[in-house]
């Protein structure tokens, strides 16, 4: 799951490595499910925000100041969450690797 939380870690490469290791299908599916959900939600949110920004001049009805405030707060929370989760995942993965490498 930790490899799924690190952004830009190639899924094809990790899938290949998981295929070589002795990981149960259940653990793999749980890790993929909980590891991909945070970034999927973040990407969907950023995509919807980008779509609204792209149509800013072409719509007749504009968004209220409250809606734009909520969008801004949401994007800040999403960015902070991604950075924090990435930090936690890298730290946990580093600790796991150091325990495996050093006896």
C-alpha atoms as a PDB file:
ATOM      1  CA  UNK A   1       0.000   0.000   0.000  1.00  0.00           C
ATOM      2  CA  UNK A   2       2.843   2.397   0.747  1.00  0.00           C
ATOM      3  CA  UNK A   3       4.084   2.249  -2.830  1.00  0.00           C
ATOM      4  CA  UNK A   4       0.618   3.296  -4.000  1.00  0.00           C
ATOM      5  CA  UNK A   5       0.687   6.379  -1.765  1.00  0.00           C
ATOM      6  CA  UNK A   6       3.940   7.717  -3.213  1.00  0.00           C
ATOM      7  CA  UNK A   7       3.027   9.863  -6.207  1.00  0.00           C
ATOM      8  CA  UNK A   8       4.648   9.139  -9.545  1.00  0.00           C
ATOM      9  CA  UNK A   9       5.743   5.641  -8.478  1.00  0.00           C
ATOM     10  CA  UNK A  10       5.100   3.597 -11.640  1.00  0.00           C
ATOM     11  CA  UNK A  11       2.246   1.160 -11.017  1.00  0.00           C
ATOM     12  CA  UNK A  12       3.376  -1.196 -13.783  1.00  0.00           C
ATOM     13  CA  UNK A  13       6.791  -1.553 -12.191  1.00  0.00           C
ATOM     14  CA  UNK A  14       5.383  -2.114  -8.711  1.00  0.00           C
ATOM     15  CA  UNK A  15       2.825  -4.617 -10.056  1.00  0.00           C
ATOM     16  CA  UNK A  16       5.667  -6.564 -11.647  1.00  0.00           C
ATOM     17  CA  UNK A  17       7.634  -6.555  -8.380  1.00  0.00           C
ATOM     18  CA  UNK A  18       4.580  -7.622  -6.376  1.00  0.00           C
ATOM     19  CA  UNK A  19       4.132 -10.491  -8.811  1.00  0.00           C
ATOM     20  CA  UNK A  20       7.652 -11.679  -8.024  1.00  0.00           C
ATOM     21  CA  UNK A  21       7.174 -11.431  -4.247  1.00  0.00           C
ATOM     22  CA  UNK A  22       5.121 -13.641  -2.014  1.00  0.00           C
ATOM     23  CA  UNK A  23       2.198 -11.299  -1.407  1.00  0.00           C
ATOM     24  CA  UNK A  24      -1.276 -12.717  -1.089  1.00  0.00           C
ATOM     25  CA  UNK A  25      -3.916 -11.565  -3.531  1.00  0.00           C
ATOM     26  CA  UNK A  26      -6.042 -10.306  -0.626  1.00  0.00           C
ATOM     27  CA  UNK A  27      -3.223  -8.098   0.713  1.00  0.00           C
ATOM     28  CA  UNK A  28      -2.456  -6.822  -2.788  1.00  0.00           C
ATOM     29  CA  UNK A  29      -6.102  -5.897  -3.447  1.00  0.00           C
ATOM     30  CA  UNK A  30      -6.481  -4.180  -0.050  1.00  0.00           C
ATOM     31  CA  UNK A  31      -3.264  -2.229  -0.573  1.00  0.00           C
ATOM     32  CA  UNK A  32      -4.258  -1.142  -4.056  1.00  0.00           C
ATOM     33  CA  UNK A  33      -7.759  -0.153  -2.921  1.00  0.00           C
ATOM     34  CA  UNK A  34      -6.689   1.988   0.019  1.00  0.00           C
ATOM     35  CA  UNK A  35      -3.544   3.228  -1.683  1.00  0.00           C
ATOM     36  CA  UNK A  36      -5.215   4.510  -4.832  1.00  0.00           C
ATOM     37  CA  UNK A  37      -8.365   6.050  -3.334  1.00  0.00           C
ATOM     38  CA  UNK A  38      -6.707   9.221  -1.881  1.00  0.00           C
ATOM     39  CA  UNK A  39      -5.070  10.136  -5.182  1.00  0.00           C
ATOM     40  CA  UNK A  40      -8.160   9.259  -7.199  1.00  0.00           C
ATOM     41  CA  UNK A  41     -10.287  11.588  -5.079  1.00  0.00           C
ATOM     42  CA  UNK A  42      -7.652  14.323  -5.332  1.00  0.00           C
ATOM     43  CA  UNK A  43      -7.383  13.949  -9.113  1.00  0.00           C
ATOM     44  CA  UNK A  44     -11.162  14.044  -9.551  1.00  0.00           C
ATOM     45  CA  UNK A  45     -11.400  17.171  -7.422  1.00  0.00           C
ATOM     46  CA  UNK A  46      -8.593  18.927  -9.289  1.00  0.00           C
ATOM     47  CA  UNK A  47     -10.160  17.892 -12.610  1.00  0.00           C
ATOM     48  CA  UNK A  48     -13.550  19.322 -11.652  1.00  0.00           C
ATOM     49  CA  UNK A  49     -11.890  22.532 -10.500  1.00  0.00           C
ATOM     50  CA  UNK A  50      -9.931  22.772 -13.763  1.00  0.00           C
ATOM     51  CA  UNK A  51     -13.140  22.239 -15.750  1.00  0.00           C
ATOM     52  CA  UNK A  52     -14.822  25.083 -13.868  1.00  0.00           C
ATOM     53  CA  UNK A  53     -11.817  27.345 -14.405  1.00  0.00           C
ATOM     54  CA  UNK A  54     -11.731  26.491 -18.124  1.00  0.00           C
ATOM     55  CA  UNK A  55     -15.341  27.583 -18.586  1.00  0.00           C
ATOM     56  CA  UNK A  56     -15.045  30.733 -16.491  1.00  0.00           C
ATOM     57  CA  UNK A  57     -15.697  33.169 -19.352  1.00  0.00           C
ATOM     58  CA  UNK A  58     -18.139  31.124 -21.406  1.00  0.00           C
ATOM     59  CA  UNK A  59     -20.906  30.523 -18.882  1.00  0.00           C
ATOM     60  CA  UNK A  60     -23.754  32.924 -18.373  1.00  0.00           C
ATOM     61  CA  UNK A  61     -24.234  32.036 -14.701  1.00  0.00           C
ATOM     62  CA  UNK A  62     -21.089  32.551 -12.680  1.00  0.00           C
ATOM     63  CA  UNK A  63     -20.068  30.968  -9.409  1.00  0.00           C
ATOM     64  CA  UNK A  64     -20.615  32.868  -6.205  1.00  0.00           C
ATOM     65  CA  UNK A  65     -17.760  34.059  -4.026  1.00  0.00           C
ATOM     66  CA  UNK A  66     -18.670  31.376  -1.492  1.00  0.00           C
ATOM     67  CA  UNK A  67     -18.307  28.620  -4.109  1.00  0.00           C
ATOM     68  CA  UNK A  68     -14.888  29.917  -5.164  1.00  0.00           C
ATOM     69  CA  UNK A  69     -13.858  30.134  -1.501  1.00  0.00           C
ATOM     70  CA  UNK A  70     -14.885  26.517  -0.988  1.00  0.00           C
ATOM     71  CA  UNK A  71     -12.962  25.522  -4.133  1.00  0.00           C
ATOM     72  CA  UNK A  72      -9.864  27.335  -2.880  1.00  0.00           C
ATOM     73  CA  UNK A  73     -10.039  25.782   0.579  1.00  0.00           C
ATOM     74  CA  UNK A  74     -10.619  22.371  -0.968  1.00  0.00           C
ATOM     75  CA  UNK A  75      -7.601  22.596  -3.263  1.00  0.00           C
ATOM     76  CA  UNK A  76      -5.371  23.729  -0.393  1.00  0.00           C
ATOM     77  CA  UNK A  77      -6.581  20.831   1.775  1.00  0.00           C
ATOM     78  CA  UNK A  78      -6.080  18.384  -1.111  1.00  0.00           C
ATOM     79  CA  UNK A  79      -2.513  19.562  -1.731  1.00  0.00           C
ATOM     80  CA  UNK A  80      -1.623  19.460   1.963  1.00  0.00           C
ATOM     81  CA  UNK A  81      -3.158  15.980   2.299  1.00  0.00           C
ATOM     82  CA  UNK A  82      -1.202  14.640  -0.680  1.00  0.00           C
ATOM     83  CA  UNK A  83       2.061  16.090   0.634  1.00  0.00           C
ATOM     84  CA  UNK A  84       1.434  14.739   4.143  1.00  0.00           C
ATOM     85  CA  UNK A  85       0.405  11.257   2.974  1.00  0.00           C
ATOM     86  CA  UNK A  86       3.431  11.138   0.664  1.00  0.00           C
ATOM     87  CA  UNK A  87       5.703  12.109   3.549  1.00  0.00           C
ATOM     88  CA  UNK A  88       4.216   9.405   5.785  1.00  0.00           C
ATOM     89  CA  UNK A  89       4.452   6.783   3.065  1.00  0.00           C
ATOM     90  CA  UNK A  90       8.075   7.588   2.245  1.00  0.00           C
ATOM     91  CA  UNK A  91       9.052   7.542   5.916  1.00  0.00           C
ATOM     92  CA  UNK A  92       7.308   4.216   6.545  1.00  0.00           C
ATOM     93  CA  UNK A  93       8.760   2.716   3.380  1.00  0.00           C
ATOM     94  CA  UNK A  94      12.242   3.935   4.357  1.00  0.00           C
ATOM     95  CA  UNK A  95      11.909   2.399   7.814  1.00  0.00           C
ATOM     96  CA  UNK A  96      10.711  -0.863   6.311  1.00  0.00           C
ATOM     97  CA  UNK A  97      13.590  -0.985   3.841  1.00  0.00           C
ATOM     98  CA  UNK A  98      16.179  -0.117   6.488  1.00  0.00           C
ATOM     99  CA  UNK A  99      14.888  -2.938   8.726  1.00  0.00           C
ATOM    100  CA  UNK A 100      15.071  -5.395   5.826  1.00  0.00           C
ATOM    101  CA  UNK A 101      18.542  -4.344   4.669  1.00  0.00           C
ATOM    102  CA  UNK A 102      20.216  -3.941   8.061  1.00  0.00           C
ATOM    103  CA  UNK A 103      20.073  -7.002  10.327  1.00  0.00           C
END
